[in-house]
Amino acid sequence: MAEKLRNCKSTSRKDLHERIIQEAKRLFKANGIKVMTMDSIAADLTISKRTLYEEFPDKETLVMEVLDYMQEEKNKNFRQIYETSQNVLETILRVYYWILQSVSTTSKDYFNDLNRYPQVAKMHEKNKLQARADVVSFLMKGVEQGLFLDGINYNIVNEFLDAQLEAMKVIIQKYPTEKVFEVLAFTFLRGIATDKGNKLIDKYKQDYEAGLTK
């Protein structure tokens, strides 16, 4: 009986922990991180501040766990897209439209506020370094499929892409985030795509936009 009670408490704690992360994610994306205090998060969840601090000792810990949770969600979606796509371009464009839907409902303050946390910057740099080799390998697969131009140093291309993504943080202060992301994505892809690749880009773009109007 005692063991059963302990298991129930453990499950209840785990459920609470995940519920806090999910709600904090929603609040951060909708309003930004800075404006959401631990008090306001606890109030939104209708739990005491003490209960919140028992799960997360400080706000930065909560932010980091929310970002880890979002990264796992993203990885899961990307794997599913990759496994069900017919070629590299289809994978990239489906990922693009998935990200576009996400950023279109995310406050600009959320992206600005991420810079306030040193641990977030370290995590971002670590993820970027881990992904760099995978991105180049993926682009080279597009070359093999006749979708991307041969004879290009894709390590340099990837460096340019990183720089453009950094510049995007400034540009979104003047223009809608989704529009900036759209310009970045399509100018980047069209710049490295072959004729075959550009025809596919047009087709996927038309199919997506037609789906929105149905």
N, C-alpha and C. Protein backbone atom coordinates (compact mmCIF):
# COMPACT_ATOMS: atom_id res chain seq x y z
N MET A 1 0.82 -1.21 0.00
CA MET A 1 0.00 0.00 0.00
C MET A 1 0.86 1.26 0.00
N ALA A 2 1.90 1.26 0.86
CA ALA A 2 2.81 2.41 0.96
C ALA A 2 3.53 2.63 -0.37
N GLU A 3 3.94 1.52 -1.00
CA GLU A 3 4.63 1.61 -2.29
C GLU A 3 3.71 2.18 -3.36
N LYS A 4 2.43 1.78 -3.32
CA LYS A 4 1.45 2.26 -4.28
C LYS A 4 1.24 3.77 -4.12
N LEU A 5 1.19 4.24 -2.87
CA LEU A 5 1.03 5.66 -2.60
C LEU A 5 2.22 6.47 -3.10
N ARG A 6 3.43 5.90 -2.89
CA ARG A 6 4.65 6.57 -3.36
C ARG A 6 4.64 6.69 -4.88
N ASN A 7 4.20 5.63 -5.56
CA ASN A 7 4.13 5.65 -7.02
C ASN A 7 3.12 6.69 -7.52
N CYS A 8 2.01 6.79 -6.82
CA CYS A 8 0.98 7.76 -7.19
C CYS A 8 1.50 9.19 -7.04
N LYS A 9 2.22 9.43 -5.93
CA LYS A 9 2.79 10.76 -5.69
C LYS A 9 3.83 11.10 -6.74
N SER A 10 4.63 10.08 -7.11
CA SER A 10 5.67 10.30 -8.12
C SER A 10 5.05 10.64 -9.47
N THR A 11 3.98 9.89 -9.82
CA THR A 11 3.29 10.15 -11.08
C THR A 11 2.65 11.54 -11.08
N SER A 12 2.05 11.89 -9.93
CA SER A 12 1.40 13.19 -9.79
C SER A 12 2.42 14.32 -9.95
N ARG A 13 3.61 14.15 -9.34
CA ARG A 13 4.67 15.15 -9.45
C ARG A 13 5.15 15.29 -10.90
N LYS A 14 5.29 14.15 -11.56
CA LYS A 14 5.74 14.16 -12.95
C LYS A 14 4.73 14.88 -13.84
N ASP A 15 3.44 14.61 -13.61
CA ASP A 15 2.38 15.25 -14.38
C ASP A 15 2.37 16.76 -14.14
N LEU A 16 2.55 17.15 -12.87
CA LEU A 16 2.58 18.57 -12.53
C LEU A 16 3.77 19.26 -13.21
N HIS A 17 4.92 18.62 -13.16
CA HIS A 17 6.13 19.17 -13.75
C HIS A 17 5.93 19.42 -15.25
N GLU A 18 5.35 18.45 -15.92
CA GLU A 18 5.13 18.60 -17.36
C GLU A 18 4.05 19.63 -17.66
N ARG A 19 3.03 19.69 -16.80
CA ARG A 19 1.97 20.68 -17.00
C ARG A 19 2.52 22.10 -16.88
N ILE A 20 3.41 22.30 -15.92
CA ILE A 20 4.04 23.62 -15.75
C ILE A 20 4.85 23.98 -16.99
N ILE A 21 5.63 23.03 -17.49
CA ILE A 21 6.46 23.28 -18.69
C ILE A 21 5.58 23.64 -19.89
N GLN A 22 4.52 22.88 -20.09
CA GLN A 22 3.64 23.13 -21.24
C GLN A 22 2.96 24.49 -21.15
N GLU A 23 2.51 24.86 -19.94
CA GLU A 23 1.84 26.15 -19.79
C GLU A 23 2.83 27.31 -19.87
N ALA A 24 4.02 27.12 -19.30
CA ALA A 24 5.05 28.16 -19.39
C ALA A 24 5.45 28.38 -20.85
N LYS A 25 5.53 27.30 -21.61
CA LYS A 25 5.83 27.41 -23.05
C LYS A 25 4.78 28.27 -23.74
N ARG A 26 3.52 28.01 -23.47
CA ARG A 26 2.43 28.78 -24.09
C ARG A 26 2.51 30.25 -23.70
N LEU A 27 2.73 30.51 -22.42
CA LEU A 27 2.79 31.89 -21.92
C LEU A 27 3.99 32.64 -22.47
N PHE A 28 5.14 31.98 -22.51
CA PHE A 28 6.36 32.62 -23.02
C PHE A 28 6.20 32.99 -24.49
N LYS A 29 5.67 32.06 -25.28
CA LYS A 29 5.53 32.31 -26.72
C LYS A 29 4.49 33.40 -27.01
N ALA A 30 3.46 33.45 -26.20
CA ALA A 30 2.39 34.42 -26.44
C ALA A 30 2.74 35.82 -25.97
N ASN A 31 3.51 35.92 -24.87
CA ASN A 31 3.73 37.21 -24.22
C ASN A 31 5.19 37.64 -24.12
N GLY A 32 6.12 36.73 -24.42
CA GLY A 32 7.52 37.00 -24.13
C GLY A 32 7.88 36.40 -22.79
N ILE A 33 9.17 36.32 -22.51
CA ILE A 33 9.63 35.68 -21.28
C ILE A 33 9.74 36.67 -20.13
N LYS A 34 10.27 37.84 -20.41
CA LYS A 34 10.53 38.83 -19.35
C LYS A 34 9.27 39.19 -18.57
N VAL A 35 8.18 39.42 -19.29
CA VAL A 35 6.95 39.90 -18.66
C VAL A 35 6.29 38.82 -17.79
N MET A 36 6.60 37.55 -18.05
CA MET A 36 5.99 36.47 -17.28
C MET A 36 6.83 36.16 -16.04
N THR A 37 6.36 36.63 -14.89
CA THR A 37 7.05 36.36 -13.63
C THR A 37 6.65 34.99 -13.10
N MET A 38 7.40 34.50 -12.13
CA MET A 38 7.05 33.22 -11.51
C MET A 38 5.69 33.34 -10.82
N ASP A 39 5.39 34.52 -10.28
CA ASP A 39 4.08 34.75 -9.65
C ASP A 39 2.95 34.61 -10.67
N SER A 40 3.13 35.24 -11.83
CA SER A 40 2.07 35.21 -12.84
C SER A 40 1.90 33.81 -13.43
N ILE A 41 3.00 33.08 -13.55
CA ILE A 41 2.91 31.71 -14.07
C ILE A 41 2.17 30.81 -13.08
N ALA A 42 2.50 30.97 -11.79
CA ALA A 42 1.82 30.19 -10.75
C ALA A 42 0.33 30.52 -10.73
N ALA A 43 0.00 31.81 -10.85
CA ALA A 43 -1.40 32.23 -10.84
C ALA A 43 -2.16 31.65 -12.03
N ASP A 44 -1.51 31.65 -13.20
CA ASP A 44 -2.15 31.11 -14.39
C ASP A 44 -2.43 29.62 -14.24
N LEU A 45 -1.53 28.92 -13.56
CA LEU A 45 -1.68 27.49 -13.36
C LEU A 45 -2.57 27.16 -12.16
N THR A 46 -2.98 28.19 -11.42
CA THR A 46 -3.74 28.05 -10.17
C THR A 46 -3.03 27.11 -9.18
N ILE A 47 -1.72 27.34 -9.04
CA ILE A 47 -0.95 26.64 -8.02
C ILE A 47 -0.23 27.70 -7.19
N SER A 48 0.25 27.32 -6.02
CA SER A 48 0.95 28.28 -5.18
C SER A 48 2.35 28.55 -5.73
N LYS A 49 2.89 29.70 -5.38
CA LYS A 49 4.25 30.02 -5.80
C LYS A 49 5.23 29.02 -5.18
N ARG A 50 4.94 28.58 -3.98
CA ARG A 50 5.79 27.61 -3.31
C ARG A 50 5.85 26.30 -4.11
N THR A 51 4.71 25.85 -4.61
CA THR A 51 4.67 24.62 -5.40
C THR A 51 5.50 24.78 -6.67
N LEU A 52 5.40 25.95 -7.29
CA LEU A 52 6.17 26.20 -8.51
C LEU A 52 7.66 26.16 -8.22
N TYR A 53 8.08 26.79 -7.13
CA TYR A 53 9.50 26.82 -6.79
C TYR A 53 10.02 25.45 -6.31
N GLU A 54 9.13 24.60 -5.85
CA GLU A 54 9.54 23.24 -5.50
C GLU A 54 9.93 22.45 -6.74
N GLU A 55 9.30 22.79 -7.88
CA GLU A 55 9.59 22.11 -9.13
C GLU A 55 10.74 22.78 -9.89
N PHE A 56 10.78 24.11 -9.81
CA PHE A 56 11.80 24.90 -10.53
C PHE A 56 12.36 25.96 -9.57
N PRO A 57 13.60 25.82 -9.15
CA PRO A 57 14.17 26.73 -8.14
C PRO A 57 14.26 28.19 -8.57
N ASP A 58 14.31 28.44 -9.88
CA ASP A 58 14.36 29.81 -10.37
C ASP A 58 13.82 29.86 -11.80
N LYS A 59 13.62 31.07 -12.29
CA LYS A 59 13.00 31.24 -13.60
C LYS A 59 13.90 30.73 -14.72
N GLU A 60 15.22 30.92 -14.60
CA GLU A 60 16.11 30.47 -15.66
C GLU A 60 16.06 28.96 -15.82
N THR A 61 15.94 28.24 -14.70
CA THR A 61 15.80 26.78 -14.77
C THR A 61 14.53 26.40 -15.53
N LEU A 62 13.45 27.11 -15.26
CA LEU A 62 12.18 26.86 -15.97
C LEU A 62 12.33 27.16 -17.46
N VAL A 63 12.96 28.28 -17.78
CA VAL A 63 13.16 28.64 -19.19
C VAL A 63 13.96 27.57 -19.91
N MET A 64 15.04 27.09 -19.28
CA MET A 64 15.89 26.07 -19.89
C MET A 64 15.12 24.77 -20.13
N GLU A 65 14.29 24.38 -19.16
CA GLU A 65 13.52 23.14 -19.32
C GLU A 65 12.45 23.29 -20.41
N VAL A 66 11.87 24.48 -20.50
CA VAL A 66 10.90 24.74 -21.58
C VAL A 66 11.58 24.63 -22.94
N LEU A 67 12.78 25.19 -23.05
CA LEU A 67 13.51 25.12 -24.32
C LEU A 67 13.92 23.69 -24.67
N ASP A 68 14.32 22.92 -23.66
CA ASP A 68 14.64 21.50 -23.88
C ASP A 68 13.41 20.75 -24.39
N TYR A 69 12.26 21.04 -23.78
CA TYR A 69 11.00 20.42 -24.17
C TYR A 69 10.65 20.78 -25.61
N MET A 70 10.82 22.06 -25.97
CA MET A 70 10.53 22.50 -27.33
C MET A 70 11.48 21.88 -28.34
N GLN A 71 12.75 21.71 -27.94
CA GLN A 71 13.72 21.09 -28.84
C GLN A 71 13.36 19.63 -29.10
N GLU A 72 12.90 18.92 -28.07
CA GLU A 72 12.47 17.53 -28.25
C GLU A 72 11.26 17.44 -29.17
N GLU A 73 10.31 18.37 -28.99
CA GLU A 73 9.14 18.42 -29.87
C GLU A 73 9.57 18.64 -31.32
N LYS A 74 10.49 19.59 -31.50
CA LYS A 74 10.97 19.92 -32.85
C LYS A 74 11.67 18.73 -33.48
N ASN A 75 12.55 18.07 -32.72
CA ASN A 75 13.27 16.90 -33.24
C ASN A 75 12.31 15.80 -33.65
N LYS A 76 11.28 15.59 -32.84
CA LYS A 76 10.29 14.55 -33.14
C LYS A 76 9.55 14.87 -34.44
N ASN A 77 9.15 16.11 -34.61
CA ASN A 77 8.45 16.52 -35.83
C ASN A 77 9.36 16.44 -37.05
N PHE A 78 10.61 16.85 -36.89
CA PHE A 78 11.55 16.81 -38.01
C PHE A 78 11.81 15.38 -38.46
N ARG A 79 11.94 14.47 -37.49
CA ARG A 79 12.15 13.05 -37.84
C ARG A 79 10.97 12.50 -38.62
N GLN A 80 9.76 12.85 -38.18
CA GLN A 80 8.56 12.36 -38.85
C GLN A 80 8.48 12.91 -40.28
N ILE A 81 8.84 14.19 -40.44
CA ILE A 81 8.84 14.81 -41.77
C ILE A 81 9.88 14.15 -42.67
N TYR A 82 11.07 13.94 -42.13
CA TYR A 82 12.16 13.34 -42.91
C TYR A 82 11.78 11.93 -43.39
N GLU A 83 11.18 11.16 -42.50
CA GLU A 83 10.84 9.77 -42.82
C GLU A 83 9.71 9.64 -43.83
N THR A 84 8.93 10.71 -44.01
CA THR A 84 7.78 10.63 -44.93
C THR A 84 7.94 11.53 -46.15
N SER A 85 9.14 12.10 -46.35
CA SER A 85 9.38 12.96 -47.51
C SER A 85 10.09 12.17 -48.63
N GLN A 86 9.86 12.58 -49.87
CA GLN A 86 10.42 11.87 -51.01
C GLN A 86 11.81 12.37 -51.41
N ASN A 87 12.14 13.59 -51.00
CA ASN A 87 13.45 14.14 -51.35
C ASN A 87 13.84 15.23 -50.36
N VAL A 88 15.06 15.72 -50.51
CA VAL A 88 15.60 16.72 -49.60
C VAL A 88 14.79 18.01 -49.60
N LEU A 89 14.40 18.49 -50.78
CA LEU A 89 13.65 19.74 -50.86
C LEU A 89 12.29 19.63 -50.18
N GLU A 90 11.63 18.50 -50.37
CA GLU A 90 10.34 18.32 -49.70
C GLU A 90 10.52 18.38 -48.20
N THR A 91 11.57 17.73 -47.70
CA THR A 91 11.85 17.76 -46.26
C THR A 91 12.06 19.19 -45.78
N ILE A 92 12.93 19.94 -46.49
CA ILE A 92 13.25 21.31 -46.08
C ILE A 92 12.01 22.20 -46.09
N LEU A 93 11.19 22.09 -47.14
CA LEU A 93 10.03 22.97 -47.26
C LEU A 93 8.94 22.60 -46.26
N ARG A 94 8.79 21.32 -45.97
CA ARG A 94 7.81 20.93 -44.94
C ARG A 94 8.26 21.39 -43.56
N VAL A 95 9.56 21.30 -43.31
CA VAL A 95 10.10 21.82 -42.05
C VAL A 95 9.89 23.33 -41.99
N TYR A 96 10.17 24.01 -43.11
CA TYR A 96 9.99 25.46 -43.18
C TYR A 96 8.56 25.86 -42.83
N TYR A 97 7.58 25.20 -43.43
CA TYR A 97 6.19 25.57 -43.18
C TYR A 97 5.78 25.23 -41.74
N TRP A 98 6.38 24.18 -41.18
CA TRP A 98 6.12 23.86 -39.76
C TRP A 98 6.65 24.98 -38.87
N ILE A 99 7.87 25.43 -39.15
CA ILE A 99 8.47 26.52 -38.37
C ILE A 99 7.68 27.81 -38.57
N LEU A 100 7.26 28.06 -39.82
CA LEU A 100 6.51 29.28 -40.14
C LEU A 100 5.24 29.37 -39.30
N GLN A 101 4.53 28.27 -39.18
CA GLN A 101 3.31 28.25 -38.38
C GLN A 101 3.62 28.57 -36.92
N SER A 102 4.78 28.10 -36.46
CA SER A 102 5.17 28.34 -35.07
C SER A 102 5.54 29.80 -34.84
N VAL A 103 6.40 30.36 -35.70
CA VAL A 103 6.86 31.74 -35.47
C VAL A 103 5.74 32.75 -35.69
N SER A 104 4.74 32.41 -36.53
CA SER A 104 3.66 33.35 -36.81
C SER A 104 2.77 33.57 -35.59
N THR A 105 2.84 32.66 -34.62
CA THR A 105 2.04 32.80 -33.40
C THR A 105 2.91 33.06 -32.17
N THR A 106 4.14 33.48 -32.41
CA THR A 106 5.07 33.72 -31.31
C THR A 106 5.40 35.21 -31.21
N SER A 107 5.35 35.74 -29.99
CA SER A 107 5.64 37.15 -29.76
C SER A 107 7.10 37.47 -30.11
N LYS A 108 7.32 38.64 -30.69
CA LYS A 108 8.69 39.07 -30.97
C LYS A 108 9.49 39.20 -29.68
N ASP A 109 8.79 39.57 -28.61
CA ASP A 109 9.47 39.72 -27.32
C ASP A 109 10.09 38.41 -26.86
N TYR A 110 9.46 37.29 -27.25
CA TYR A 110 10.00 35.98 -26.88
C TYR A 110 11.42 35.82 -27.42
N PHE A 111 11.63 36.14 -28.69
CA PHE A 111 12.95 35.99 -29.30
C PHE A 111 13.95 36.98 -28.69
N ASN A 112 13.51 38.19 -28.42
CA ASN A 112 14.39 39.18 -27.80
C ASN A 112 14.80 38.76 -26.39
N ASP A 113 13.84 38.24 -25.64
CA ASP A 113 14.09 37.90 -24.24
C ASP A 113 15.04 36.71 -24.07
N LEU A 114 15.13 35.86 -25.08
CA LEU A 114 16.04 34.71 -24.98
C LEU A 114 17.48 35.15 -24.74
N ASN A 115 17.83 36.33 -25.27
CA ASN A 115 19.20 36.82 -25.13
C ASN A 115 19.55 37.22 -23.70
N ARG A 116 18.56 37.30 -22.84
CA ARG A 116 18.80 37.70 -21.46
C ARG A 116 19.39 36.58 -20.61
N TYR A 117 19.41 35.37 -21.14
CA TYR A 117 19.83 34.22 -20.35
C TYR A 117 21.11 33.61 -20.93
N PRO A 118 22.24 33.76 -20.21
CA PRO A 118 23.54 33.25 -20.71
C PRO A 118 23.50 31.75 -21.03
N GLN A 119 22.79 30.97 -20.23
CA GLN A 119 22.72 29.54 -20.46
C GLN A 119 22.02 29.21 -21.78
N VAL A 120 21.06 30.06 -22.14
CA VAL A 120 20.35 29.86 -23.41
C VAL A 120 21.31 30.06 -24.58
N ALA A 121 22.15 31.09 -24.49
CA ALA A 121 23.13 31.34 -25.55
C ALA A 121 24.09 30.17 -25.68
N LYS A 122 24.52 29.61 -24.56
CA LYS A 122 25.43 28.47 -24.59
C LYS A 122 24.77 27.25 -25.22
N MET A 123 23.49 27.03 -24.86
CA MET A 123 22.76 25.89 -25.41
C MET A 123 22.57 26.06 -26.91
N HIS A 124 22.25 27.31 -27.33
CA HIS A 124 22.04 27.60 -28.75
C HIS A 124 23.32 27.33 -29.55
N GLU A 125 24.46 27.76 -29.01
CA GLU A 125 25.73 27.56 -29.69
C GLU A 125 26.07 26.07 -29.79
N LYS A 126 25.80 25.34 -28.72
CA LYS A 126 26.05 23.90 -28.71
C LYS A 126 25.20 23.19 -29.76
N ASN A 127 23.91 23.53 -29.81
CA ASN A 127 23.00 22.91 -30.79
C ASN A 127 23.42 23.25 -32.22
N LYS A 128 23.87 24.51 -32.42
CA LYS A 128 24.28 24.95 -33.75
C LYS A 128 25.50 24.17 -34.23
N LEU A 129 26.47 23.97 -33.32
CA LEU A 129 27.68 23.22 -33.69
C LEU A 129 27.35 21.77 -34.01
N GLN A 130 26.44 21.18 -33.23
CA GLN A 130 26.05 19.79 -33.46
C GLN A 130 25.31 19.63 -34.78
N ALA A 131 24.52 20.65 -35.14
CA ALA A 131 23.70 20.56 -36.35
C ALA A 131 24.48 20.88 -37.62
N ARG A 132 25.60 21.60 -37.49
CA ARG A 132 26.32 22.12 -38.66
C ARG A 132 26.71 21.00 -39.64
N ALA A 133 27.34 19.95 -39.13
CA ALA A 133 27.76 18.85 -40.00
C ALA A 133 26.56 18.17 -40.64
N ASP A 134 25.47 18.04 -39.86
CA ASP A 134 24.26 17.39 -40.39
C ASP A 134 23.65 18.21 -41.51
N VAL A 135 23.65 19.55 -41.36
CA VAL A 135 23.08 20.42 -42.39
C VAL A 135 23.87 20.30 -43.69
N VAL A 136 25.19 20.35 -43.59
CA VAL A 136 26.03 20.24 -44.79
C VAL A 136 25.83 18.89 -45.47
N SER A 137 25.79 17.84 -44.69
CA SER A 137 25.57 16.49 -45.23
C SER A 137 24.22 16.42 -45.94
N PHE A 138 23.21 17.05 -45.35
CA PHE A 138 21.87 17.04 -45.91
C PHE A 138 21.83 17.81 -47.23
N LEU A 139 22.51 18.96 -47.28
CA LEU A 139 22.57 19.75 -48.52
C LEU A 139 23.30 18.99 -49.62
N MET A 140 24.35 18.25 -49.25
CA MET A 140 25.08 17.46 -50.23
C MET A 140 24.20 16.33 -50.79
N LYS A 141 23.30 15.83 -49.97
CA LYS A 141 22.36 14.82 -50.46
C LYS A 141 21.45 15.43 -51.52
N GLY A 142 21.11 16.72 -51.34
CA GLY A 142 20.32 17.43 -52.35
C GLY A 142 21.07 17.59 -53.66
N VAL A 143 22.40 17.72 -53.57
CA VAL A 143 23.25 17.77 -54.78
C VAL A 143 23.15 16.44 -55.50
N GLU A 144 23.25 15.35 -54.76
CA GLU A 144 23.17 14.00 -55.34
C GLU A 144 21.82 13.77 -56.03
N GLN A 145 20.79 14.37 -55.50
CA GLN A 145 19.45 14.21 -56.07
C GLN A 145 19.19 15.17 -57.24
N GLY A 146 20.19 15.99 -57.56
CA GLY A 146 20.05 16.93 -58.67
C GLY A 146 19.21 18.15 -58.33
N LEU A 147 19.02 18.42 -57.03
CA LEU A 147 18.17 19.53 -56.60
C LEU A 147 18.97 20.78 -56.24
N PHE A 148 20.22 20.60 -55.80
CA PHE A 148 21.09 21.71 -55.44
C PHE A 148 22.33 21.72 -56.34
N LEU A 149 22.88 22.89 -56.55
CA LEU A 149 24.02 23.06 -57.46
C LEU A 149 25.27 22.35 -56.95
N ASP A 150 25.97 21.73 -57.88
CA ASP A 150 27.24 21.09 -57.57
C ASP A 150 28.36 22.15 -57.66
N GLY A 151 29.51 21.83 -57.08
CA GLY A 151 30.66 22.72 -57.19
C GLY A 151 30.64 23.88 -56.22
N ILE A 152 29.77 23.83 -55.23
CA ILE A 152 29.67 24.88 -54.21
C ILE A 152 30.22 24.34 -52.89
N ASN A 153 30.94 25.18 -52.16
CA ASN A 153 31.41 24.79 -50.83
C ASN A 153 30.25 25.00 -49.85
N TYR A 154 29.60 23.92 -49.47
CA TYR A 154 28.41 24.04 -48.62
C TYR A 154 28.74 24.33 -47.16
N ASN A 155 29.99 24.19 -46.78
CA ASN A 155 30.39 24.65 -45.45
C ASN A 155 30.28 26.17 -45.38
N ILE A 156 30.70 26.84 -46.47
CA ILE A 156 30.59 28.30 -46.54
C ILE A 156 29.12 28.71 -46.61
N VAL A 157 28.33 27.98 -47.40
CA VAL A 157 26.89 28.25 -47.51
C VAL A 157 26.25 28.19 -46.12
N ASN A 158 26.64 27.20 -45.34
CA ASN A 158 26.07 27.04 -44.00
C ASN A 158 26.46 28.20 -43.09
N GLU A 159 27.70 28.71 -43.25
CA GLU A 159 28.15 29.87 -42.47
C GLU A 159 27.29 31.10 -42.82
N PHE A 160 27.01 31.26 -44.11
CA PHE A 160 26.16 32.38 -44.54
C PHE A 160 24.75 32.24 -43.94
N LEU A 161 24.24 31.03 -43.93
CA LEU A 161 22.90 30.79 -43.38
C LEU A 161 22.87 31.14 -41.90
N ASP A 162 23.89 30.75 -41.15
CA ASP A 162 23.97 31.10 -39.72
C ASP A 162 23.96 32.61 -39.53
N ALA A 163 24.73 33.31 -40.38
CA ALA A 163 24.81 34.77 -40.28
C ALA A 163 23.46 35.42 -40.59
N GLN A 164 22.76 34.87 -41.57
CA GLN A 164 21.44 35.40 -41.94
C GLN A 164 20.43 35.19 -40.82
N LEU A 165 20.51 34.05 -40.16
CA LEU A 165 19.60 33.76 -39.05
C LEU A 165 19.85 34.71 -37.88
N GLU A 166 21.12 35.06 -37.67
CA GLU A 166 21.45 36.02 -36.62
C GLU A 166 20.92 37.41 -36.99
N ALA A 167 21.08 37.79 -38.26
CA ALA A 167 20.59 39.09 -38.73
C ALA A 167 19.08 39.18 -38.62
N MET A 168 18.42 38.05 -38.76
CA MET A 168 16.95 38.01 -38.69
C MET A 168 16.45 38.55 -37.36
N LYS A 169 17.22 38.37 -36.28
CA LYS A 169 16.81 38.84 -34.95
C LYS A 169 16.64 40.35 -34.93
N VAL A 170 17.44 41.04 -35.75
CA VAL A 170 17.35 42.50 -35.83
C VAL A 170 16.22 42.92 -36.78
N ILE A 171 16.14 42.23 -37.91
CA ILE A 171 15.18 42.63 -38.95
C ILE A 171 13.74 42.44 -38.49
N ILE A 172 13.47 41.44 -37.64
CA ILE A 172 12.09 41.20 -37.19
C ILE A 172 11.57 42.33 -36.30
N GLN A 173 12.46 43.25 -35.91
CA GLN A 173 11.98 44.41 -35.15
C GLN A 173 11.23 45.38 -36.06
N LYS A 174 11.46 45.28 -37.38
CA LYS A 174 10.85 46.20 -38.34
C LYS A 174 9.73 45.56 -39.15
N TYR A 175 9.79 44.22 -39.33
CA TYR A 175 8.84 43.53 -40.20
C TYR A 175 8.27 42.30 -39.49
N PRO A 176 7.11 41.81 -39.94
CA PRO A 176 6.53 40.60 -39.34
C PRO A 176 7.50 39.41 -39.42
N THR A 177 7.60 38.69 -38.33
CA THR A 177 8.57 37.59 -38.23
C THR A 177 8.39 36.58 -39.36
N GLU A 178 7.13 36.21 -39.65
CA GLU A 178 6.90 35.18 -40.67
C GLU A 178 7.32 35.65 -42.06
N LYS A 179 7.18 36.97 -42.34
CA LYS A 179 7.57 37.50 -43.64
C LYS A 179 9.10 37.50 -43.79
N VAL A 180 9.78 37.86 -42.72
CA VAL A 180 11.24 37.85 -42.74
C VAL A 180 11.75 36.43 -42.95
N PHE A 181 11.13 35.50 -42.24
CA PHE A 181 11.54 34.10 -42.37
C PHE A 181 11.28 33.57 -43.77
N GLU A 182 10.16 33.99 -44.37
CA GLU A 182 9.82 33.55 -45.72
C GLU A 182 10.86 34.04 -46.73
N VAL A 183 11.22 35.33 -46.65
CA VAL A 183 12.22 35.89 -47.56
C VAL A 183 13.56 35.18 -47.40
N LEU A 184 13.96 34.97 -46.15
CA LEU A 184 15.23 34.29 -45.89
C LEU A 184 15.23 32.88 -46.48
N ALA A 185 14.18 32.13 -46.20
CA ALA A 185 14.13 30.73 -46.63
C ALA A 185 14.14 30.59 -48.15
N PHE A 186 13.31 31.38 -48.83
CA PHE A 186 13.18 31.19 -50.27
C PHE A 186 14.35 31.79 -51.05
N THR A 187 14.90 32.90 -50.60
CA THR A 187 16.08 33.42 -51.30
C THR A 187 17.27 32.49 -51.11
N PHE A 188 17.38 31.91 -49.93
CA PHE A 188 18.46 30.95 -49.66
C PHE A 188 18.32 29.72 -50.55
N LEU A 189 17.13 29.13 -50.57
CA LEU A 189 16.92 27.89 -51.34
C LEU A 189 17.05 28.14 -52.84
N ARG A 190 16.48 29.23 -53.33
CA ARG A 190 16.54 29.49 -54.78
C ARG A 190 17.98 29.79 -55.21
N GLY A 191 18.78 30.31 -54.30
CA GLY A 191 20.16 30.62 -54.64
C GLY A 191 21.04 29.40 -54.85
N ILE A 192 20.67 28.27 -54.24
CA ILE A 192 21.49 27.07 -54.37
C ILE A 192 20.79 25.97 -55.19
N ALA A 193 19.54 26.22 -55.58
CA ALA A 193 18.77 25.20 -56.28
C ALA A 193 19.09 25.15 -57.77
N THR A 194 19.02 23.97 -58.35
CA THR A 194 19.12 23.79 -59.81
C THR A 194 17.78 24.14 -60.43
N ASP A 195 17.69 24.09 -61.75
CA ASP A 195 16.40 24.32 -62.40
C ASP A 195 15.36 23.32 -61.90
N LYS A 196 15.78 22.08 -61.79
CA LYS A 196 14.89 21.03 -61.28
C LYS A 196 14.43 21.38 -59.86
N GLY A 197 15.37 21.83 -59.06
CA GLY A 197 15.04 22.17 -57.67
C GLY A 197 14.09 23.35 -57.60
N ASN A 198 14.31 24.37 -58.42
CA ASN A 198 13.44 25.55 -58.40
C ASN A 198 12.02 25.23 -58.85
N LYS A 199 11.90 24.30 -59.81
CA LYS A 199 10.57 23.87 -60.23
C LYS A 199 9.83 23.17 -59.08
N LEU A 200 10.57 22.38 -58.32
CA LEU A 200 9.97 21.72 -57.16
C LEU A 200 9.57 22.72 -56.09
N ILE A 201 10.42 23.73 -55.88
CA ILE A 201 10.10 24.78 -54.91
C ILE A 201 8.78 25.45 -55.29
N ASP A 202 8.64 25.80 -56.58
CA ASP A 202 7.40 26.43 -57.06
C ASP A 202 6.20 25.53 -56.81
N LYS A 203 6.37 24.23 -57.11
CA LYS A 203 5.27 23.28 -56.95
C LYS A 203 4.85 23.15 -55.49
N TYR A 204 5.82 22.96 -54.60
CA TYR A 204 5.51 22.80 -53.17
C TYR A 204 4.88 24.07 -52.60
N LYS A 205 5.38 25.24 -53.06
CA LYS A 205 4.85 26.50 -52.58
C LYS A 205 3.40 26.68 -53.03
N GLN A 206 3.13 26.35 -54.30
CA GLN A 206 1.77 26.46 -54.82
C GLN A 206 0.82 25.49 -54.11
N ASP A 207 1.29 24.26 -53.88
CA ASP A 207 0.48 23.26 -53.19
C ASP A 207 0.14 23.72 -51.78
N TYR A 208 1.13 24.31 -51.10
CA TYR A 208 0.90 24.78 -49.72
C TYR A 208 -0.11 25.93 -49.70
N GLU A 209 0.09 26.89 -50.59
CA GLU A 209 -0.79 28.06 -50.63
C GLU A 209 -2.22 27.66 -51.06
N ALA A 210 -2.30 26.67 -51.95
CA ALA A 210 -3.62 26.18 -52.36
C ALA A 210 -4.32 25.51 -51.19
N GLY A 211 -3.55 24.82 -50.36
CA GLY A 211 -4.12 24.18 -49.16
C GLY A 211 -4.67 25.19 -48.19
N LEU A 212 -4.01 26.36 -48.09
CA LEU A 212 -4.48 27.40 -47.19
C LEU A 212 -5.80 28.02 -47.63
N THR A 213 -6.04 28.02 -48.94
CA THR A 213 -7.23 28.69 -49.46
C THR A 213 -8.43 27.75 -49.58
N LYS A 214 -8.21 26.46 -49.29
CA LYS A 214 -9.33 25.51 -49.41
C LYS A 214 -10.31 25.69 -48.24
